[in-house]
Amino acid sequence: MSKENIKIVQNILKQENRFDLAIKLENSHYTLTTIEEQDEWEKCIINLFVHPNHYMELSSLGKDKRLISVFQGLFDNTIYIDDIEFKINTNIEIENITDTTYIFIDESGDMNFTQTGSKYYMFNFLVKKRPFKLHEYISNYRYELLEKSLDPHIGRRLNIEYFHAHNDNKHIKNELFNIIATFDIEAVKVYSYILEKEKVQPEKRKQKENFYIDNLIYSIGKLLEKIEVNSNFIIITDNLPVAQNKRKQEKALKVGVTKYMQEHNLNFRYDIFHHCSASSANLQIIDYVGWAVYRKYEHGDDKYYQKIKKYIVAEDTVTKDRGIRYYDK
């Protein structure tokens, strides 16, 4: 019953826009300790066992009267909740902490350099280190959506294999962006490398493959400079359908990384992997973040951008100082 009641508490907190606290209670449970007993009632403390990653932050909340009030609603008038004490849930398997930097890459826009194409082309980079927090919550939310297909009152199946901002409906988008907005600002960094396509010189537009490779080389170098990489790192991109394209992308990344490390006299180890988005919550996260950045530039819509802008270390519109537009979009 304890875990079922936690779900009730989480839902109430979400309705009160305390999304950050609701997420940190995922997979928690509680016990009651009686501190005073009378004939008709007991004064109790909630012992709330939470994920070790969130313990220090939650234990510093102080006496949260609103949270106490929510828990009080779970009991009848024979139980009076005086306080909540946060404790570490020792039954949770802890992910190892490592110094390895992870870089996840997403692209937005198209290679159509005409009025019918996108205005912008951009690379967006997500930078994190383990442990990756809240991934279990994202996974659980996907399973909740699948289970809704069993509800006869919904009337349609939600076959969600993974989250993709372009395809997901507005309710799913809102939930995912609310989750992403609760990340620790010190643990998540985003860098956006942005091109105004109408300012790209015609001779460069004709060789789209070289255009892509040259900008990927330059952008990975700019990223490493912005984050001042100081450890071994792993780069993960979305799986490309054609093996030849994977090789070209990987070569471009290696050229950019090698150039940066030579210029800065660095000797870190790194590797590059191409993974399916469905296998990686981080690829899904950077897809969402990149979509929000793209919406801001391409459509002037910053609704979702406002939720993630705190993570952005830089937005480099590398064509901003070019005066000539070679076609009108």
Protein backbone atom coordinates (compact mmCIF):
# COMPACT_ATOMS: atom_id res chain seq x y z
CA MET A 1 0.00 0.00 0.00
CA SER A 2 2.92 2.35 0.73
CA LYS A 3 4.07 2.45 -2.91
CA GLU A 4 0.50 2.87 -4.20
CA ASN A 5 0.03 5.83 -1.86
CA ILE A 6 3.26 7.37 -3.14
CA LYS A 7 1.71 7.40 -6.63
CA ILE A 8 -1.25 9.33 -5.22
CA VAL A 9 1.09 11.84 -3.59
CA GLN A 10 3.06 12.23 -6.86
CA ASN A 11 -0.11 12.94 -8.85
CA ILE A 12 -1.24 15.60 -6.36
CA LEU A 13 2.19 17.25 -6.46
CA LYS A 14 2.10 17.31 -10.27
CA GLN A 15 -1.29 19.02 -10.19
CA GLU A 16 0.25 21.67 -7.93
CA ASN A 17 3.14 22.13 -10.39
CA ARG A 18 5.65 20.62 -7.97
CA PHE A 19 6.88 18.38 -10.73
CA ASP A 20 10.47 18.37 -9.50
CA LEU A 21 9.47 16.96 -6.10
CA ALA A 22 7.03 14.45 -7.63
CA ILE A 23 9.74 12.94 -9.81
CA LYS A 24 12.19 12.63 -6.91
CA LEU A 25 9.67 10.45 -5.06
CA GLU A 26 9.68 7.84 -7.84
CA ASN A 27 10.08 4.30 -6.42
CA SER A 28 10.09 5.59 -2.85
CA HIS A 29 8.19 4.04 0.05
CA TYR A 30 7.43 4.99 3.63
CA THR A 31 6.82 3.69 7.13
CA LEU A 32 5.19 5.32 10.17
CA THR A 33 6.87 5.90 13.51
CA THR A 34 4.65 6.80 16.47
CA ILE A 35 6.13 9.57 18.63
CA GLU A 36 3.10 10.21 20.85
CA GLU A 37 0.09 8.04 21.59
CA GLN A 38 -3.25 9.10 23.07
CA ASP A 39 -6.50 7.19 23.59
CA GLU A 40 -8.02 8.15 20.25
CA TRP A 41 -5.08 9.25 18.09
CA GLU A 42 -1.39 8.85 17.40
CA LYS A 43 1.16 11.50 16.47
CA CYS A 44 3.47 10.01 13.82
CA ILE A 45 6.46 10.75 11.65
CA ILE A 46 6.62 9.59 8.04
CA ASN A 47 9.91 7.83 7.30
CA LEU A 48 10.18 8.41 3.56
CA PHE A 49 12.78 6.18 1.85
CA VAL A 50 14.02 7.85 -1.34
CA HIS A 51 16.59 7.28 -4.06
CA PRO A 52 20.15 7.96 -2.82
CA ASN A 53 20.68 10.44 -5.66
CA HIS A 54 17.94 12.67 -4.23
CA TYR A 55 18.48 12.17 -0.50
CA MET A 56 20.66 15.23 0.23
CA GLU A 57 18.43 17.58 -1.71
CA LEU A 58 15.20 16.27 -0.17
CA SER A 59 16.56 16.16 3.37
CA SER A 60 17.37 19.87 3.09
CA LEU A 61 13.74 20.81 2.37
CA GLY A 62 12.97 21.52 6.01
CA LYS A 63 9.45 21.09 7.33
CA ASP A 64 7.39 21.14 4.13
CA LYS A 65 3.90 21.81 5.48
CA ARG A 66 2.21 21.29 2.13
CA LEU A 67 3.83 17.90 1.62
CA ILE A 68 2.89 16.91 5.17
CA SER A 69 -0.69 17.95 4.41
CA VAL A 70 -0.77 15.74 1.31
CA PHE A 71 0.44 12.72 3.30
CA GLN A 72 -2.05 13.53 6.06
CA GLY A 73 -4.83 13.05 3.53
CA LEU A 74 -3.87 9.37 3.22
CA PHE A 75 -4.93 8.63 6.81
CA ASP A 76 -8.05 8.92 8.95
CA ASN A 77 -8.34 11.19 11.99
CA THR A 78 -6.71 8.64 14.31
CA ILE A 79 -3.33 9.42 12.72
CA TYR A 80 -1.73 12.86 12.94
CA ILE A 81 1.35 13.39 10.74
CA ASP A 82 3.78 15.68 12.55
CA ASP A 83 6.74 15.59 10.16
CA ILE A 84 8.49 13.77 7.32
CA GLU A 85 12.01 12.38 7.68
CA PHE A 86 13.81 11.45 4.47
CA LYS A 87 15.92 8.31 4.54
CA ILE A 88 18.01 6.49 1.95
CA ASN A 89 16.36 3.60 0.14
CA THR A 90 19.18 1.04 0.36
CA ASN A 91 17.34 -1.47 -1.84
CA ILE A 92 18.05 0.55 -4.99
CA GLU A 93 20.97 -0.52 -7.14
CA ILE A 94 23.26 2.47 -7.59
CA GLU A 95 24.77 3.30 -10.96
CA ASN A 96 28.51 3.79 -10.78
CA ILE A 97 29.84 7.33 -10.83
CA THR A 98 32.50 7.81 -13.50
CA ASP A 99 34.47 10.73 -14.83
CA THR A 100 33.73 9.87 -18.46
CA THR A 101 31.92 12.61 -20.39
CA TYR A 102 29.06 11.56 -22.67
CA ILE A 103 28.13 13.60 -25.74
CA PHE A 104 24.85 12.94 -27.57
CA ILE A 105 24.21 14.52 -30.98
CA ASP A 106 20.99 15.45 -32.76
CA GLU A 107 20.40 17.27 -36.06
CA SER A 108 17.48 19.47 -37.14
CA GLY A 109 16.52 20.91 -40.50
CA ASP A 110 17.09 19.62 -44.03
CA MET A 111 19.54 19.95 -46.90
CA ASN A 112 17.03 21.58 -49.24
CA PHE A 113 18.60 24.96 -50.09
CA THR A 114 15.51 26.44 -51.75
CA GLN A 115 12.45 28.34 -50.59
CA THR A 116 10.68 25.05 -49.88
CA GLY A 117 13.37 23.86 -47.44
CA SER A 118 13.87 24.69 -43.79
CA LYS A 119 15.31 28.09 -42.83
CA TYR A 120 17.89 26.58 -40.50
CA TYR A 121 20.14 23.58 -40.17
CA MET A 122 21.57 22.83 -36.76
CA PHE A 123 23.51 20.39 -34.64
CA ASN A 124 22.50 20.11 -31.00
CA PHE A 125 24.74 18.46 -28.42
CA LEU A 126 23.81 17.09 -25.00
CA VAL A 127 26.67 16.67 -22.50
CA LYS A 128 26.31 14.59 -19.32
CA LYS A 129 28.19 12.35 -16.92
CA ARG A 130 26.99 9.27 -15.11
CA PRO A 131 24.96 8.55 -13.11
CA PHE A 132 22.18 9.53 -15.54
CA LYS A 133 19.36 10.66 -13.27
CA LEU A 134 15.61 10.34 -13.93
CA HIS A 135 16.00 7.86 -16.80
CA GLU A 136 13.98 5.30 -14.85
CA TYR A 137 11.19 7.86 -14.52
CA ILE A 138 11.19 8.42 -18.28
CA SER A 139 11.04 4.66 -18.85
CA ASN A 140 8.19 4.24 -16.36
CA TYR A 141 6.23 7.00 -18.07
CA ARG A 142 6.49 5.14 -21.38
CA TYR A 143 5.16 1.98 -19.76
CA GLU A 144 2.29 3.96 -18.24
CA LEU A 145 1.35 5.06 -21.75
CA LEU A 146 1.45 1.46 -23.00
CA GLU A 147 -0.78 0.34 -20.13
CA LYS A 148 -3.37 2.94 -21.11
CA SER A 149 -4.01 0.79 -24.18
CA LEU A 150 -5.64 -1.71 -21.80
CA ASP A 151 -8.14 0.88 -20.61
CA PRO A 152 -11.45 0.30 -22.49
CA HIS A 153 -12.45 3.94 -21.95
CA ILE A 154 -9.52 5.39 -23.90
CA GLY A 155 -10.48 3.77 -27.19
CA ARG A 156 -7.09 3.79 -28.89
CA ARG A 157 -3.67 2.22 -28.54
CA LEU A 158 -0.60 4.23 -27.59
CA ASN A 159 2.19 2.23 -29.19
CA ILE A 160 5.13 4.26 -27.85
CA GLU A 161 8.43 2.53 -28.60
CA TYR A 162 10.42 5.63 -27.74
CA PHE A 163 9.85 9.36 -27.39
CA HIS A 164 10.23 11.58 -30.45
CA ALA A 165 9.23 15.22 -30.19
CA HIS A 166 8.07 15.58 -33.80
CA ASN A 167 5.72 12.60 -33.53
CA ASP A 168 4.51 12.73 -29.91
CA ASN A 169 1.20 14.43 -29.11
CA LYS A 170 1.05 17.62 -27.04
CA HIS A 171 0.19 15.81 -23.79
CA ILE A 172 3.24 13.56 -24.08
CA LYS A 173 5.40 16.54 -25.07
CA ASN A 174 4.29 18.50 -22.02
CA GLU A 175 5.04 15.58 -19.70
CA LEU A 176 8.49 14.93 -21.21
CA PHE A 177 9.47 18.59 -21.14
CA ASN A 178 8.32 18.81 -17.51
CA ILE A 179 10.60 15.87 -16.71
CA ILE A 180 13.53 17.34 -18.64
CA ALA A 181 13.02 20.69 -16.87
CA THR A 182 13.75 19.03 -13.50
CA PHE A 183 17.30 17.96 -14.36
CA ASP A 184 20.14 19.28 -12.24
CA ILE A 185 21.38 22.37 -14.06
CA GLU A 186 24.98 21.51 -13.12
CA ALA A 187 24.70 18.00 -14.61
CA VAL A 188 23.30 18.85 -18.05
CA LYS A 189 24.87 21.02 -20.75
CA VAL A 190 23.52 21.76 -24.22
CA TYR A 191 25.32 23.40 -27.13
CA SER A 192 23.56 24.47 -30.35
CA TYR A 193 25.41 25.09 -33.61
CA ILE A 194 23.07 26.93 -35.98
CA LEU A 195 23.25 27.77 -39.69
CA GLU A 196 20.98 30.16 -41.62
CA LYS A 197 20.76 28.23 -44.86
CA GLU A 198 19.94 31.19 -47.08
CA LYS A 199 23.32 32.72 -46.16
CA VAL A 200 25.29 29.65 -47.25
CA GLN A 201 27.38 30.41 -50.34
CA PRO A 202 26.13 28.74 -53.57
CA GLU A 203 29.38 26.85 -54.20
CA LYS A 204 29.11 25.25 -50.75
CA ARG A 205 25.44 24.41 -51.24
CA LYS A 206 26.22 22.44 -54.39
CA GLN A 207 28.35 19.97 -52.43
CA LYS A 208 25.90 19.06 -49.69
CA GLU A 209 28.00 16.19 -48.42
CA ASN A 210 31.03 18.41 -47.91
CA PHE A 211 28.81 21.09 -46.37
CA TYR A 212 27.57 18.57 -43.80
CA ILE A 213 31.01 17.14 -43.03
CA ASP A 214 32.74 20.54 -42.78
CA ASN A 215 30.15 21.87 -40.34
CA LEU A 216 30.13 18.70 -38.25
CA ILE A 217 33.94 18.93 -37.96
CA TYR A 218 33.71 22.57 -36.93
CA SER A 219 30.78 22.11 -34.54
CA ILE A 220 32.32 19.24 -32.53
CA GLY A 221 35.44 21.36 -32.07
CA LYS A 222 33.34 24.31 -30.92
CA LEU A 223 31.49 22.07 -28.48
CA LEU A 224 34.69 20.68 -26.92
CA GLU A 225 35.93 24.24 -26.56
CA LYS A 226 32.70 25.44 -24.90
CA ILE A 227 32.57 22.63 -22.33
CA GLU A 228 36.37 22.64 -21.82
CA VAL A 229 36.44 18.86 -21.95
CA ASN A 230 38.71 17.50 -19.21
CA SER A 231 38.21 13.72 -19.27
CA ASN A 232 37.84 10.76 -21.59
CA PHE A 233 34.59 10.95 -23.53
CA ILE A 234 32.10 8.94 -25.55
CA ILE A 235 30.13 10.37 -28.49
CA ILE A 236 26.77 8.77 -29.33
CA THR A 237 24.71 9.64 -32.41
CA ASP A 238 21.41 8.32 -33.67
CA ASN A 239 21.80 5.25 -35.85
CA LEU A 240 22.02 6.15 -39.54
CA PRO A 241 20.30 3.78 -41.99
CA VAL A 242 23.15 3.69 -44.52
CA ALA A 243 26.54 2.30 -43.45
CA GLN A 244 28.40 4.65 -45.81
CA ASN A 245 26.81 7.67 -44.09
CA LYS A 246 27.86 6.33 -40.69
CA ARG A 247 31.46 6.10 -41.83
CA LYS A 248 31.43 9.66 -43.19
CA GLN A 249 29.86 11.01 -40.02
CA GLU A 250 32.31 9.13 -37.84
CA LYS A 251 35.27 10.34 -39.91
CA ALA A 252 34.10 13.95 -39.61
CA LEU A 253 33.76 13.64 -35.84
CA LYS A 254 37.23 12.10 -35.56
CA VAL A 255 38.76 14.89 -37.66
CA GLY A 256 37.10 17.54 -35.48
CA VAL A 257 38.10 15.86 -32.21
CA THR A 258 41.71 15.25 -33.33
CA LYS A 259 42.09 18.84 -34.51
CA TYR A 260 40.81 20.20 -31.18
CA MET A 261 43.02 17.94 -29.06
CA GLN A 262 46.13 18.72 -31.10
CA GLU A 263 45.50 22.46 -30.85
CA HIS A 264 45.05 22.21 -27.06
CA ASN A 265 47.77 19.60 -26.46
CA LEU A 266 45.28 17.10 -24.99
CA ASN A 267 45.46 13.32 -25.02
CA PHE A 268 42.08 12.05 -23.82
CA ARG A 269 40.69 8.74 -25.02
CA TYR A 270 37.36 8.76 -26.83
CA ASP A 271 35.07 6.57 -28.89
CA ILE A 272 32.09 7.06 -31.19
CA PHE A 273 28.95 4.92 -31.30
CA HIS A 274 25.81 4.93 -33.45
CA HIS A 275 22.81 3.77 -31.42
CA CYS A 276 19.11 3.44 -32.08
CA SER A 277 17.16 6.22 -30.33
CA ALA A 278 14.87 3.65 -28.72
CA SER A 279 17.87 2.27 -26.82
CA SER A 280 18.96 5.59 -25.36
CA ALA A 281 16.99 7.96 -23.15
CA ASN A 282 19.70 10.56 -23.75
CA LEU A 283 19.20 10.48 -27.53
CA GLN A 284 15.49 10.99 -26.90
CA ILE A 285 16.26 13.86 -24.53
CA ILE A 286 18.49 15.66 -27.03
CA ASP A 287 15.84 15.05 -29.70
CA TYR A 288 13.37 16.93 -27.50
CA VAL A 289 15.84 19.67 -26.60
CA GLY A 290 16.92 20.07 -30.23
CA TRP A 291 13.28 20.21 -31.34
CA ALA A 292 12.63 23.03 -28.85
CA VAL A 293 15.65 25.01 -30.09
CA TYR A 294 14.63 24.39 -33.71
CA ARG A 295 11.04 25.57 -33.02
CA LYS A 296 12.40 28.79 -31.58
CA TYR A 297 14.44 29.62 -34.68
CA GLU A 298 12.40 28.06 -37.47
CA HIS A 299 8.91 29.04 -36.28
CA GLY A 300 9.45 31.76 -33.67
CA ASP A 301 7.84 29.52 -31.03
CA ASP A 302 9.79 29.47 -27.76
CA LYS A 303 7.16 27.83 -25.52
CA TYR A 304 9.17 24.64 -25.01
CA TYR A 305 12.52 26.39 -25.39
CA GLN A 306 11.80 28.31 -22.20
CA LYS A 307 11.76 25.00 -20.30
CA ILE A 308 15.23 23.94 -21.45
CA LYS A 309 17.14 27.17 -22.06
CA LYS A 310 18.76 27.01 -18.59
CA TYR A 311 20.89 24.08 -19.81
CA ILE A 312 22.23 25.84 -22.91
CA VAL A 313 25.86 26.91 -22.60
CA ALA A 314 25.82 28.57 -26.03
CA GLU A 315 23.74 29.03 -29.18
CA ASP A 316 26.17 29.77 -31.99
CA THR A 317 24.47 31.11 -35.09
CA VAL A 318 27.66 30.90 -37.11
CA THR A 319 26.18 32.71 -40.13
CA LYS A 320 24.82 35.72 -38.20
CA ASP A 321 27.53 38.14 -39.39
CA ARG A 322 27.08 37.29 -43.07
CA GLY A 323 25.21 40.07 -44.83
CA ILE A 324 24.33 38.35 -48.10
CA ARG A 325 21.24 36.18 -48.44
CA TYR A 326 21.43 34.08 -51.59
CA TYR A 327 17.71 33.36 -51.70
CA ASP A 328 14.63 34.48 -49.76
CA LYS A 329 12.92 32.06 -47.45
